[in-house]
């Protein structure tokens, strides 16, 4: 269906791909993964509109290939006066009306042949997208996404997460040969994420999905395309198996690299000795021996292990707090209410201690972001913040906290850094190379913008963090780095998130919004609730054991204990079989 062969492409600021190749064929549900800013969305843009881009290499797409697309940036149009059914079936309904109109004209027209041709064309277009059964197909998809009760609602009444699912259904029902989705999971609540999983798994055509969501990665795909360090790797199989293969490659590569390093070091000593001898002895045989050794060294250097998928760029996220306070009440909310067209939250009461790490959860559209913003503004009598608390805020609306029209350099001068060298050194820990510090923030990927927000938050050295969907757009390696940073952080955290892997791994307890109010839930109860709804009985325990073994392997690699790493990998392989 699609073949990419030795494709290379560059921006003015940086190279994106170097001779990458892959294919997409019938029956493949492909996850497209890679570090933030590696060029995944750009590659999708090239596939969808190759005429706009000057690239080297070949891109072959079957003639008449119909591509469906769901963007990560799609927004709910609150002014759209149409029902959910009408919105999803828009193309079908339009063709139905066109066919009916032509039929009416044919009853009285003299130029019957022209109208007959138009009728055939409209009918062919209707058949090509499965028009005969479109109403029942809409019902099936809505049922699969648990949205059947929303069928006759106005689109403007949907939450953002529900609208995202409606867009996915709309594109799928057009029966495209290739369906592309760019981070469709962003900001979806637990129920909607599970609905997206069902939609993906029910789709019969080819799928190419950019995603960093671990739940979807573990449950939805039979092919992985991994873009990293300008190179691309294909893997036919599940993501969980790909991760194991990557870990095994890492063990092998590091073991071989140590052997190469030792051999290069030994050869260098011999070269130095031969150079010393030839300084005082000009015999031809000595010179030839030196040249032979130097050539051998060059071969060893060229052969040195090159593993772009082993050395994956992972930001070194560290969240500092230079003003720790003794355990006390950091935040107290009393009888807080908020309403727009209707009441969102009513008589909310809770408090957070100065060392609590708390996840604020609830369905899409229940007021989580509104509450977080109000706490950050701190100008409501019902919200009381300890005078010793200094808050920092990460917004899911990135332009709210970043001036996207200025450069990265200017952004950090505004934060309080004094020199370019100081900024360059600081943001290099977050994966930003020297050459892009003069780049406009608006040109960064969504994942890079979130990393930049985290870098600003860390520089503020606040002792309370308000984080609104901090893992959105982050690649899996950045998510793991952020998990560790939040665990190590010495201060209070209130975090809105729908990523329950993330919540379970680094939060103390949960505040859950239900029926316009908030109740506290222990992590044990939260796990039971989430995993009872979404996973098999033993899934959580196996996942935790798997994570523990992966951590042990990383520690073994750090200590260059490859025998232990290999034994642990076998243990990991057995756990993966259970999943």
Protein backbone atom coordinates (compact mmCIF):
# COMPACT_ATOMS: atom_id res chain seq x y z
CA UNK A 1 0.00 0.00 0.00
CA UNK A 2 2.81 2.44 0.97
CA UNK A 3 6.55 2.08 0.49
CA UNK A 4 9.17 4.55 1.75
CA UNK A 5 12.64 3.87 0.34
CA UNK A 6 15.84 5.65 1.46
CA UNK A 7 13.98 8.86 2.27
CA UNK A 8 16.00 11.81 3.63
CA UNK A 9 14.62 15.18 4.70
CA UNK A 10 16.02 18.24 6.49
CA UNK A 11 14.74 21.43 8.05
CA UNK A 12 16.96 24.54 7.83
CA UNK A 13 17.78 24.05 11.54
CA UNK A 14 18.41 20.29 11.56
CA UNK A 15 18.38 17.02 9.67
CA UNK A 16 15.33 14.87 10.38
CA UNK A 17 15.83 11.60 8.46
CA UNK A 18 18.75 9.86 6.78
CA UNK A 19 17.77 7.21 4.21
CA UNK A 20 14.86 5.73 6.14
CA UNK A 21 12.76 2.91 4.66
CA UNK A 22 9.56 1.07 5.64
CA UNK A 23 6.37 -0.39 4.19
CA UNK A 24 2.72 -0.41 5.25
CA UNK A 25 0.61 -3.34 4.05
CA UNK A 26 -2.89 -4.78 4.40
CA UNK A 27 -3.84 -5.87 7.90
CA UNK A 28 -1.17 -3.85 9.68
CA UNK A 29 -2.02 -1.73 12.69
CA UNK A 30 1.21 0.21 13.08
CA UNK A 31 2.33 2.28 16.08
CA UNK A 32 4.71 5.09 15.10
CA UNK A 33 6.98 5.91 18.05
CA UNK A 34 10.09 7.99 18.73
CA UNK A 35 11.48 10.84 20.81
CA UNK A 36 9.70 14.20 20.86
CA UNK A 37 10.91 16.33 17.95
CA UNK A 38 12.25 13.37 15.95
CA UNK A 39 9.94 14.23 13.02
CA UNK A 40 7.02 11.79 13.27
CA UNK A 41 4.31 14.35 12.45
CA UNK A 42 6.42 15.76 9.62
CA UNK A 43 6.76 12.29 8.08
CA UNK A 44 2.98 11.88 8.27
CA UNK A 45 2.60 15.26 6.51
CA UNK A 46 4.97 14.08 3.75
CA UNK A 47 2.92 10.90 3.25
CA UNK A 48 -0.32 12.88 3.05
CA UNK A 49 0.95 15.61 0.72
CA UNK A 50 4.33 14.67 -0.82
CA UNK A 51 4.15 17.48 -3.42
CA UNK A 52 4.69 20.08 -0.66
CA UNK A 53 8.07 18.67 0.39
CA UNK A 54 11.52 18.50 -1.21
CA UNK A 55 12.92 15.17 -0.01
CA UNK A 56 15.46 12.69 -1.30
CA UNK A 57 14.53 9.05 -1.89
CA UNK A 58 11.26 7.43 -2.93
CA UNK A 59 7.73 7.50 -1.58
CA UNK A 60 5.43 5.06 -3.38
CA UNK A 61 1.68 5.11 -2.64
CA UNK A 62 -0.76 2.89 -4.50
CA UNK A 63 -2.86 4.83 -7.01
CA UNK A 64 -6.27 5.88 -5.67
CA UNK A 65 -5.17 5.20 -2.08
CA UNK A 66 -7.70 6.97 0.16
CA UNK A 67 -6.20 8.36 3.36
CA UNK A 68 -8.20 9.21 6.50
CA UNK A 69 -6.64 11.55 9.05
CA UNK A 70 -7.28 12.59 12.67
CA UNK A 71 -5.10 15.47 13.89
CA UNK A 72 -3.76 15.93 17.42
CA UNK A 73 -4.88 19.58 17.27
CA UNK A 74 -8.56 19.16 16.40
CA UNK A 75 -10.80 21.30 18.58
CA UNK A 76 -14.51 21.02 19.38
CA UNK A 77 -16.50 23.67 17.54
CA UNK A 78 -19.01 24.84 20.14
CA UNK A 79 -20.93 26.83 17.51
CA UNK A 80 -21.57 23.84 15.22
CA UNK A 81 -25.32 23.36 15.11
CA UNK A 82 -25.51 19.70 14.12
CA UNK A 83 -26.22 16.44 15.88
CA UNK A 84 -23.58 13.77 16.49
CA UNK A 85 -25.27 11.52 13.90
CA UNK A 86 -25.35 14.31 11.29
CA UNK A 87 -21.71 15.22 11.97
CA UNK A 88 -20.45 11.63 11.59
CA UNK A 89 -22.64 10.94 8.55
CA UNK A 90 -22.02 14.32 6.88
CA UNK A 91 -20.43 12.89 3.72
CA UNK A 92 -22.99 10.09 3.41
CA UNK A 93 -25.94 12.44 3.92
CA UNK A 94 -24.52 14.91 1.39
CA UNK A 95 -24.23 12.18 -1.26
CA UNK A 96 -27.71 10.87 -0.40
CA UNK A 97 -29.16 14.35 -1.02
CA UNK A 98 -27.18 14.68 -4.24
CA UNK A 99 -28.49 11.31 -5.51
CA UNK A 100 -32.06 12.23 -4.53
CA UNK A 101 -31.72 15.62 -6.26
CA UNK A 102 -30.45 14.03 -9.49
CA UNK A 103 -33.34 11.55 -9.43
CA UNK A 104 -35.82 14.43 -9.10
CA UNK A 105 -34.20 16.24 -12.05
CA UNK A 106 -34.30 13.08 -14.17
CA UNK A 107 -38.09 12.97 -13.90
CA UNK A 108 -38.49 16.12 -16.00
CA UNK A 109 -35.11 16.61 -17.73
CA UNK A 110 -34.58 16.41 -21.49
CA UNK A 111 -30.79 15.87 -21.19
CA UNK A 112 -31.23 12.48 -19.54
CA UNK A 113 -27.80 10.98 -20.47
CA UNK A 114 -25.79 13.71 -18.69
CA UNK A 115 -27.86 13.31 -15.53
CA UNK A 116 -27.54 9.52 -15.73
CA UNK A 117 -23.74 9.87 -15.79
CA UNK A 118 -23.85 12.21 -12.77
CA UNK A 119 -26.14 9.73 -11.02
CA UNK A 120 -23.70 6.85 -11.63
CA UNK A 121 -20.74 8.92 -10.37
CA UNK A 122 -22.59 9.89 -7.16
CA UNK A 123 -23.72 6.30 -6.63
CA UNK A 124 -20.17 4.99 -7.15
CA UNK A 125 -18.86 7.52 -4.61
CA UNK A 126 -21.57 6.48 -2.16
CA UNK A 127 -20.77 2.76 -2.64
CA UNK A 128 -17.00 3.39 -2.30
CA UNK A 129 -17.46 4.58 1.29
CA UNK A 130 -19.95 1.84 2.23
CA UNK A 131 -23.01 4.07 1.96
CA UNK A 132 -25.63 1.33 1.89
CA UNK A 133 -25.14 0.47 5.56
CA UNK A 134 -23.87 3.78 6.90
CA UNK A 135 -26.63 4.27 9.49
CA UNK A 136 -26.18 0.84 11.06
CA UNK A 137 -22.38 1.25 10.84
CA UNK A 138 -22.62 4.53 12.75
CA UNK A 139 -24.72 2.80 15.42
CA UNK A 140 -22.16 -0.03 15.72
CA UNK A 141 -19.22 2.36 16.10
CA UNK A 142 -21.05 4.54 18.64
CA UNK A 143 -21.91 1.41 20.64
CA UNK A 144 -18.27 0.27 20.50
CA UNK A 145 -17.15 3.66 21.84
CA UNK A 146 -19.92 3.64 24.49
CA UNK A 147 -21.37 6.80 22.90
CA UNK A 148 -24.67 5.41 21.61
CA UNK A 149 -26.60 7.65 24.03
CA UNK A 150 -24.94 10.71 22.45
CA UNK A 151 -26.23 10.00 18.92
CA UNK A 152 -28.93 12.70 18.92
CA UNK A 153 -27.07 15.26 21.05
CA UNK A 154 -25.69 18.42 19.50
CA UNK A 155 -21.95 18.22 18.79
CA UNK A 156 -21.50 21.37 20.91
CA UNK A 157 -22.70 19.42 23.97
CA UNK A 158 -19.83 16.90 23.80
CA UNK A 159 -16.71 16.99 25.95
CA UNK A 160 -13.36 17.37 24.18
CA UNK A 161 -12.59 13.67 24.66
CA UNK A 162 -15.97 12.57 23.28
CA UNK A 163 -15.48 14.82 20.25
CA UNK A 164 -12.09 13.22 19.56
CA UNK A 165 -13.75 9.78 19.47
CA UNK A 166 -16.48 11.13 17.18
CA UNK A 167 -13.78 12.35 14.77
CA UNK A 168 -12.12 8.92 14.80
CA UNK A 169 -15.48 7.26 14.05
CA UNK A 170 -16.21 9.76 11.26
CA UNK A 171 -12.90 9.03 9.50
CA UNK A 172 -13.15 5.25 9.99
CA UNK A 173 -16.64 5.15 8.47
CA UNK A 174 -15.30 6.63 5.22
CA UNK A 175 -13.50 3.29 4.86
CA UNK A 176 -10.05 4.73 3.99
CA UNK A 177 -7.32 2.44 2.64
CA UNK A 178 -4.96 4.00 5.17
CA UNK A 179 -6.06 5.63 8.43
CA UNK A 180 -3.54 8.00 10.05
CA UNK A 181 -3.97 9.35 13.58
CA UNK A 182 -1.59 11.78 15.30
CA UNK A 183 -1.69 11.28 19.10
CA UNK A 184 -5.45 10.63 19.22
CA UNK A 185 -5.21 9.71 22.92
CA UNK A 186 -4.13 13.13 24.18
CA UNK A 187 -6.37 14.36 27.04
CA UNK A 188 -8.74 11.36 26.85
CA UNK A 189 -10.10 10.16 30.18
CA UNK A 190 -9.92 6.46 31.16
CA UNK A 191 -13.27 5.50 29.65
CA UNK A 192 -12.66 7.33 26.40
CA UNK A 193 -9.15 5.85 26.12
CA UNK A 194 -10.63 2.38 26.44
CA UNK A 195 -13.20 3.30 23.77
CA UNK A 196 -10.37 4.43 21.46
CA UNK A 197 -8.66 1.07 22.03
CA UNK A 198 -11.86 -0.71 20.96
CA UNK A 199 -12.20 1.44 17.83
CA UNK A 200 -8.57 0.83 16.82
CA UNK A 201 -8.85 -2.93 17.34
CA UNK A 202 -12.12 -3.14 15.38
CA UNK A 203 -10.75 -1.32 12.33
CA UNK A 204 -10.20 -3.57 9.31
CA UNK A 205 -7.91 -1.28 7.26
CA UNK A 206 -4.30 -0.21 7.62
CA UNK A 207 -3.60 2.06 10.60
CA UNK A 208 -0.61 4.34 11.24
CA UNK A 209 -0.91 5.87 14.71
CA UNK A 210 1.56 8.26 16.33
CA UNK A 211 1.23 7.52 20.03
CA UNK A 212 3.16 7.55 23.30
CA UNK A 213 0.37 6.01 25.34
CA UNK A 214 1.55 2.82 27.05
CA UNK A 215 -1.96 1.36 27.34
CA UNK A 216 -2.61 1.67 23.60
CA UNK A 217 0.92 0.50 22.73
CA UNK A 218 0.48 -2.64 24.82
CA UNK A 219 -2.97 -3.53 23.48
CA UNK A 220 -3.50 -2.33 19.92
CA UNK A 221 -0.69 -2.86 17.42
CA UNK A 222 0.95 -5.64 15.39
CA UNK A 223 3.75 -3.53 13.91
CA UNK A 224 6.11 -0.89 15.34
CA UNK A 225 7.94 1.85 13.44
CA UNK A 226 10.53 3.54 15.63
CA UNK A 227 12.13 6.82 14.50
CA UNK A 228 15.22 7.75 16.51
CA UNK A 229 18.38 9.80 15.87
CA UNK A 230 17.48 10.33 12.17
CA UNK A 231 17.16 6.58 11.55
CA UNK A 232 14.17 4.25 11.43
CA UNK A 233 13.60 0.69 12.56
CA UNK A 234 10.68 -1.64 11.68
CA UNK A 235 9.44 -4.44 13.91
CA UNK A 236 6.64 -6.85 13.01
CA UNK A 237 5.00 -7.73 16.30
CA UNK A 238 3.70 -6.28 19.55
CA UNK A 239 5.20 -3.26 21.28
CA UNK A 240 5.86 -5.30 24.42
CA UNK A 241 7.98 -7.75 22.35
CA UNK A 242 9.74 -4.87 20.58
CA UNK A 243 10.75 -3.38 23.93
CA UNK A 244 12.20 -6.75 24.98
CA UNK A 245 14.13 -7.03 21.69
CA UNK A 246 15.44 -3.49 22.21
CA UNK A 247 16.62 -4.36 25.72
CA UNK A 248 18.33 -7.52 24.46
CA UNK A 249 20.04 -5.45 21.74
CA UNK A 250 21.21 -3.00 24.39
CA UNK A 251 22.82 -5.78 26.44
CA UNK A 252 24.53 -7.25 23.38
CA UNK A 253 25.65 -3.86 22.03
CA UNK A 254 27.13 -2.70 25.33
CA UNK A 255 28.94 -6.01 25.80
CA UNK A 256 30.41 -5.83 22.29
CA UNK A 257 31.24 -2.13 22.74
CA UNK A 258 33.34 -2.91 25.83
CA UNK A 259 35.22 -5.58 23.82
CA UNK A 260 35.81 -3.04 21.04
CA UNK A 261 36.98 -0.39 23.51
CA UNK A 262 39.47 -2.81 25.08
CA UNK A 263 40.83 -3.87 21.68
CA UNK A 264 41.12 -0.24 20.53
CA UNK A 265 42.94 0.68 23.75
CA UNK A 266 45.41 -2.23 23.34
CA UNK A 267 46.01 -1.29 19.71
CA UNK A 268 46.61 2.35 20.66
CA UNK A 269 49.38 1.32 23.08
CA UNK A 270 51.08 -0.73 20.32
CA UNK A 271 50.77 2.22 17.87
CA UNK A 272 52.37 4.58 20.39
CA UNK A 273 55.27 2.15 20.90
CA UNK A 274 55.79 1.73 17.12
CA UNK A 275 55.73 5.52 16.64
CA UNK A 276 58.38 5.88 19.33
CA UNK A 277 60.55 3.17 17.74
CA UNK A 278 60.26 4.59 14.20
CA UNK A 279 61.40 7.97 15.49
CA UNK A 280 64.82 6.45 16.21
CA UNK A 281 64.78 3.57 13.71
CA UNK A 282 63.84 4.31 10.10
CA UNK A 283 63.81 0.71 8.91
CA UNK A 284 61.11 0.19 6.26
CA UNK A 285 59.68 -2.80 8.14
CA UNK A 286 59.04 -0.64 11.22
CA UNK A 287 57.17 1.96 9.13
CA UNK A 288 55.07 -0.74 7.45
CA UNK A 289 54.17 -2.24 10.83
CA UNK A 290 53.05 1.18 12.08
CA UNK A 291 50.93 1.80 8.95
CA UNK A 292 49.33 -1.66 9.27
CA UNK A 293 48.46 -1.01 12.92
CA UNK A 294 47.01 2.43 12.14
CA UNK A 295 44.85 0.92 9.36
CA UNK A 296 43.71 -1.81 11.73
CA UNK A 297 42.80 0.87 14.29
CA UNK A 298 40.78 2.74 11.68
CA UNK A 299 38.88 -0.47 10.88
CA UNK A 300 38.17 -1.03 14.57
CA UNK A 301 36.88 2.53 14.96
CA UNK A 302 34.65 2.16 11.90
CA UNK A 303 33.31 -1.15 13.24
CA UNK A 304 32.59 0.29 16.67
CA UNK A 305 29.00 -0.43 17.66
CA UNK A 306 26.57 2.12 16.26
CA UNK A 307 23.17 1.68 17.88
CA UNK A 308 20.79 4.63 17.41
CA UNK A 309 17.96 2.73 19.08
CA UNK A 310 20.03 1.77 22.12
CA UNK A 311 21.34 5.26 22.86
CA UNK A 312 17.90 6.91 23.01
CA UNK A 313 17.78 10.57 23.96
CA UNK A 314 16.17 10.86 27.39
CA UNK A 315 15.91 14.23 29.15
CA UNK A 316 17.46 14.54 32.58
CA UNK A 317 14.41 16.07 34.30
CA UNK A 318 15.12 17.26 37.83
CA UNK A 319 12.56 19.26 39.78
CA UNK A 320 14.26 21.45 42.37
CA UNK A 321 12.76 22.98 45.48
CA UNK A 322 14.97 25.47 47.29
CA UNK A 323 12.36 26.31 49.91
CA UNK A 324 11.29 23.16 51.72
CA UNK A 325 8.93 23.74 54.63
CA UNK A 326 8.01 21.54 57.55
CA UNK A 327 4.97 19.36 56.94
CA UNK A 328 1.94 21.61 57.06
CA UNK A 329 -1.18 22.43 55.05
CA UNK A 330 0.00 23.78 51.68
CA UNK A 331 -3.45 24.25 50.15
CA UNK A 332 -6.97 24.35 51.57
CA UNK A 333 -10.11 24.55 49.43
CA UNK A 334 -13.38 25.28 51.25
CA UNK A 335 -16.89 25.31 49.75
CA UNK A 336 -15.55 26.03 46.27
CA UNK A 337 -18.08 26.10 43.40
CA UNK A 338 -17.81 26.93 39.70
CA UNK A 339 -20.33 27.06 36.86
CA UNK A 340 -20.50 28.12 33.24
CA UNK A 341 -23.68 27.21 31.36
CA UNK A 342 -24.30 24.73 34.17
CA UNK A 343 -22.76 23.89 37.55
CA UNK A 344 -19.42 22.07 37.12
CA UNK A 345 -18.30 21.79 40.74
CA UNK A 346 -20.28 22.47 43.89
CA UNK A 347 -19.22 22.84 47.54
CA UNK A 348 -15.76 21.35 47.00
CA UNK A 349 -13.66 20.76 50.12
CA UNK A 350 -10.16 19.29 50.40
CA UNK A 351 -6.67 20.06 51.66
CA UNK A 352 -3.17 19.08 50.55
CA UNK A 353 -0.11 18.86 52.79
CA UNK A 354 3.27 20.29 51.83
CA UNK A 355 4.68 16.84 50.95
CA UNK A 356 1.55 15.28 49.34
CA UNK A 357 1.64 14.11 45.74
CA UNK A 358 -1.96 14.06 44.53
CA UNK A 359 -3.64 13.16 41.24
CA UNK A 360 -6.86 15.01 40.37
CA UNK A 361 -8.92 12.75 38.11
CA UNK A 362 -12.35 12.65 36.53
CA UNK A 363 -14.12 12.39 33.20
CA UNK A 364 -13.49 14.89 30.40
CA UNK A 365 -15.30 18.17 31.00
CA UNK A 366 -15.77 17.87 34.78
CA UNK A 367 -13.78 21.02 35.69
CA UNK A 368 -10.31 19.72 36.60
CA UNK A 369 -8.38 22.28 34.53
CA UNK A 370 -10.65 25.10 35.72
CA UNK A 371 -9.95 24.21 39.37
CA UNK A 372 -6.20 23.97 38.79
CA UNK A 373 -6.12 27.40 37.11
CA UNK A 374 -8.13 28.95 39.97
CA UNK A 375 -5.68 27.55 42.52
CA UNK A 376 -2.75 29.00 40.56
CA UNK A 377 -4.43 32.43 40.31
CA UNK A 378 -5.15 32.26 44.07
CA UNK A 379 -7.67 35.10 44.11
CA UNK A 380 -10.72 33.22 45.43
CA UNK A 381 -11.76 33.43 49.09
CA UNK A 382 -12.56 29.69 48.99
CA UNK A 383 -8.94 28.86 48.04
CA UNK A 384 -6.29 29.33 50.73
CA UNK A 385 -2.58 28.84 49.92
CA UNK A 386 0.05 28.70 52.67
CA UNK A 387 2.10 31.94 52.69
CA UNK A 388 5.33 29.89 52.47
CA UNK A 389 4.19 28.13 49.31
CA UNK A 390 5.60 29.17 45.93
CA UNK A 391 3.58 27.59 43.08
CA UNK A 392 4.60 26.68 39.52
CA UNK A 393 2.10 25.71 36.82
CA UNK A 394 2.28 23.48 33.74
CA UNK A 395 -0.58 24.11 31.33
CA UNK A 396 -2.01 21.72 28.74
CA UNK A 397 -2.52 24.90 26.69
CA UNK A 398 1.22 25.40 26.15
CA UNK A 399 1.04 28.98 24.84
CA UNK A 400 -0.42 29.94 28.24
CA UNK A 401 2.99 29.43 29.91
CA UNK A 402 5.37 29.81 26.92
CA UNK A 403 5.77 32.85 24.67
CA UNK A 404 5.83 30.92 21.41
CA UNK A 405 6.83 33.94 19.32
CA UNK A 406 10.23 34.23 21.02
CA UNK A 407 13.29 31.99 21.04
CA UNK A 408 14.22 29.41 23.67
CA UNK A 409 17.12 31.69 24.63
CA UNK A 410 14.85 34.69 25.22
CA UNK A 411 12.39 32.55 27.22
CA UNK A 412 15.09 31.62 29.72
CA UNK A 413 16.56 35.11 29.92
CA UNK A 414 13.03 36.11 31.00
CA UNK A 415 13.12 33.38 33.67
CA UNK A 416 16.22 34.99 35.20
CA UNK A 417 19.25 33.33 33.62
CA UNK A 418 22.13 35.77 33.04
CA UNK A 419 24.23 34.36 30.20
CA UNK A 420 23.82 32.34 27.01
CA UNK A 421 26.33 29.76 28.31
CA UNK A 422 24.29 29.32 31.49
CA UNK A 423 21.09 28.73 29.47
CA UNK A 424 22.80 26.40 26.99
CA UNK A 425 24.24 24.29 29.80
CA UNK A 426 20.92 24.15 31.66
CA UNK A 427 18.59 23.20 28.80
CA UNK A 428 21.04 20.65 27.36
CA UNK A 429 19.95 18.43 30.30
CA UNK A 430 16.46 18.50 28.81
CA UNK A 431 17.61 17.32 25.38
CA UNK A 432 17.84 20.70 23.62
CA UNK A 433 20.98 20.99 21.48
CA UNK A 434 23.00 24.21 21.18
CA UNK A 435 21.92 24.86 17.60
CA UNK A 436 18.22 25.24 18.45
CA UNK A 437 18.39 27.72 21.34
CA UNK A 438 17.81 30.53 18.82
CA UNK A 439 14.85 28.68 17.33
CA UNK A 440 11.34 30.07 17.83
CA UNK A 441 9.35 28.07 20.39
CA UNK A 442 6.42 27.86 17.96
CA UNK A 443 8.55 25.64 15.68
CA UNK A 444 9.02 22.97 18.38
CA UNK A 445 6.94 19.80 18.58
CA UNK A 446 4.22 19.58 21.23
CA UNK A 447 6.37 17.15 23.24
CA UNK A 448 9.35 19.52 23.15
CA UNK A 449 7.13 22.38 24.35
CA UNK A 450 6.04 20.31 27.35
CA UNK A 451 9.68 19.48 28.14
CA UNK A 452 10.45 23.20 27.91
CA UNK A 453 7.64 23.94 30.38
CA UNK A 454 9.16 21.39 32.78
CA UNK A 455 12.57 23.04 32.41
CA UNK A 456 11.00 26.41 33.33
CA UNK A 457 9.20 24.90 36.30
CA UNK A 458 12.43 23.35 37.57
CA UNK A 459 14.23 26.69 37.21
CA UNK A 460 11.54 28.35 39.36
CA UNK A 461 12.47 26.04 42.28
CA UNK A 462 8.86 26.15 43.46
CA UNK A 463 7.74 24.04 46.43
CA UNK A 464 4.29 23.25 44.99
CA UNK A 465 3.67 22.07 41.42
CA UNK A 466 0.33 22.32 39.62
CA UNK A 467 0.59 20.04 36.58
CA UNK A 468 -2.16 19.80 33.95
CA UNK A 469 -1.65 16.65 31.85
CA UNK A 470 2.18 16.75 32.10
CA UNK A 471 2.63 13.49 30.12
CA UNK A 472 0.60 14.69 27.11
CA UNK A 473 2.72 14.59 23.93
CA UNK A 474 5.74 13.22 25.85
CA UNK A 475 7.48 10.17 24.38
CA UNK A 476 7.68 7.09 26.62
CA UNK A 477 11.32 7.78 27.60
CA UNK A 478 10.47 11.33 28.70
CA UNK A 479 7.48 9.99 30.64
CA UNK A 480 9.76 7.61 32.54
CA UNK A 481 12.21 10.47 33.25
CA UNK A 482 9.34 12.63 34.54
CA UNK A 483 8.07 9.78 36.74
CA UNK A 484 11.47 9.60 38.43
CA UNK A 485 11.64 13.39 38.81
CA UNK A 486 8.22 13.52 40.51
CA UNK A 487 9.14 10.66 42.85
CA UNK A 488 12.33 12.50 43.87
CA UNK A 489 10.68 15.94 44.19
CA UNK A 490 10.58 17.34 47.75
CA UNK A 491 7.37 19.32 47.74
CA UNK A 492 3.62 19.23 47.07
CA UNK A 493 2.13 18.19 43.74
CA UNK A 494 -1.44 18.48 42.45
CA UNK A 495 -1.60 16.86 39.03
CA UNK A 496 -4.44 16.45 36.54
CA UNK A 497 -3.84 13.28 34.55
CA UNK A 498 -5.61 10.50 32.68
CA UNK A 499 -2.45 8.38 32.48
CA UNK A 500 -3.06 5.76 35.16
CA UNK A 501 0.33 4.08 34.65
CA UNK A 502 1.83 7.44 35.57
CA UNK A 503 -0.52 8.06 38.50
CA UNK A 504 0.09 4.62 40.01
CA UNK A 505 3.87 5.00 39.68
CA UNK A 506 4.38 8.37 41.37
CA UNK A 507 1.33 9.70 43.27
CA UNK A 508 0.36 9.19 46.94
CA UNK A 509 -3.41 9.31 46.54
CA UNK A 510 -6.19 10.49 44.23
CA UNK A 511 -8.89 13.16 44.35
CA UNK A 512 -11.70 11.99 42.08
CA UNK A 513 -14.42 14.26 40.67
CA UNK A 514 -17.82 12.58 40.52
CA UNK A 515 -21.31 14.11 40.50
CA UNK A 516 -19.92 17.68 40.74
CA UNK A 517 -18.01 16.95 43.96
CA UNK A 518 -14.60 15.62 45.02
CA UNK A 519 -13.73 12.65 47.19
CA UNK A 520 -10.40 11.30 48.32
CA UNK A 521 -9.36 7.80 47.22
CA UNK A 522 -6.38 5.74 48.39
CA UNK A 523 -3.99 4.47 45.74
CA UNK A 524 -4.99 0.91 46.58
CA UNK A 525 -8.66 1.63 45.85
CA UNK A 526 -7.73 3.58 42.71
CA UNK A 527 -5.75 0.64 41.35
CA UNK A 528 -8.60 -1.72 42.12
CA UNK A 529 -11.11 0.56 40.36
CA UNK A 530 -9.02 1.13 37.22
CA UNK A 531 -7.68 -2.35 36.77
CA UNK A 532 -11.01 -4.01 37.51
CA UNK A 533 -12.53 -1.98 34.67
CA UNK A 534 -9.77 -2.30 32.11
CA UNK A 535 -7.54 -5.30 32.75
CA UNK A 536 -7.52 -9.00 33.48
CA UNK A 537 -7.30 -9.98 37.14
CA UNK A 538 -3.51 -10.57 37.31
CA UNK A 539 -2.46 -7.85 34.88
CA UNK A 540 -1.42 -5.26 37.47
CA UNK A 541 0.72 -7.68 39.46
CA UNK A 542 2.48 -8.94 36.30
CA UNK A 543 3.04 -5.35 35.08
CA UNK A 544 4.59 -4.39 38.44
CA UNK A 545 6.86 -7.45 38.38
CA UNK A 546 7.84 -6.64 34.80
CA UNK A 547 8.76 -3.06 35.72
CA UNK A 548 10.79 -4.33 38.70
CA UNK A 549 12.77 -6.74 36.49
CA UNK A 550 13.39 -4.01 33.87
CA UNK A 551 14.80 -1.77 36.63
CA UNK A 552 17.11 -4.58 37.79
CA UNK A 553 18.35 -5.06 34.20
CA UNK A 554 19.15 -1.34 33.91
CA UNK A 555 21.11 -1.50 37.19
CA UNK A 556 22.97 -4.62 36.01
CA UNK A 557 23.92 -2.83 32.77
CA UNK A 558 25.13 0.18 34.73
CA UNK A 559 27.41 -2.18 36.72
CA UNK A 560 28.46 -3.94 33.45
CA UNK A 561 27.16 -7.21 34.91
CA UNK A 562 26.06 -8.70 31.60
CA UNK A 563 25.59 -12.25 32.85
CA UNK A 564 23.05 -11.05 35.41
CA UNK A 565 21.37 -8.85 32.77
CA UNK A 566 20.95 -11.89 30.48
CA UNK A 567 19.44 -14.02 33.26
CA UNK A 568 17.04 -11.21 34.15
CA UNK A 569 16.07 -10.82 30.48
CA UNK A 570 15.00 -14.47 30.42
CA UNK A 571 12.87 -13.78 33.52
CA UNK A 572 11.39 -10.75 31.75
CA UNK A 573 10.58 -12.85 28.71
CA UNK A 574 8.55 -15.26 30.86
CA UNK A 575 6.57 -12.37 32.39
CA UNK A 576 5.82 -10.97 28.92
CA UNK A 577 4.38 -14.35 27.88
CA UNK A 578 1.88 -14.02 30.74
CA UNK A 579 0.75 -10.64 29.37
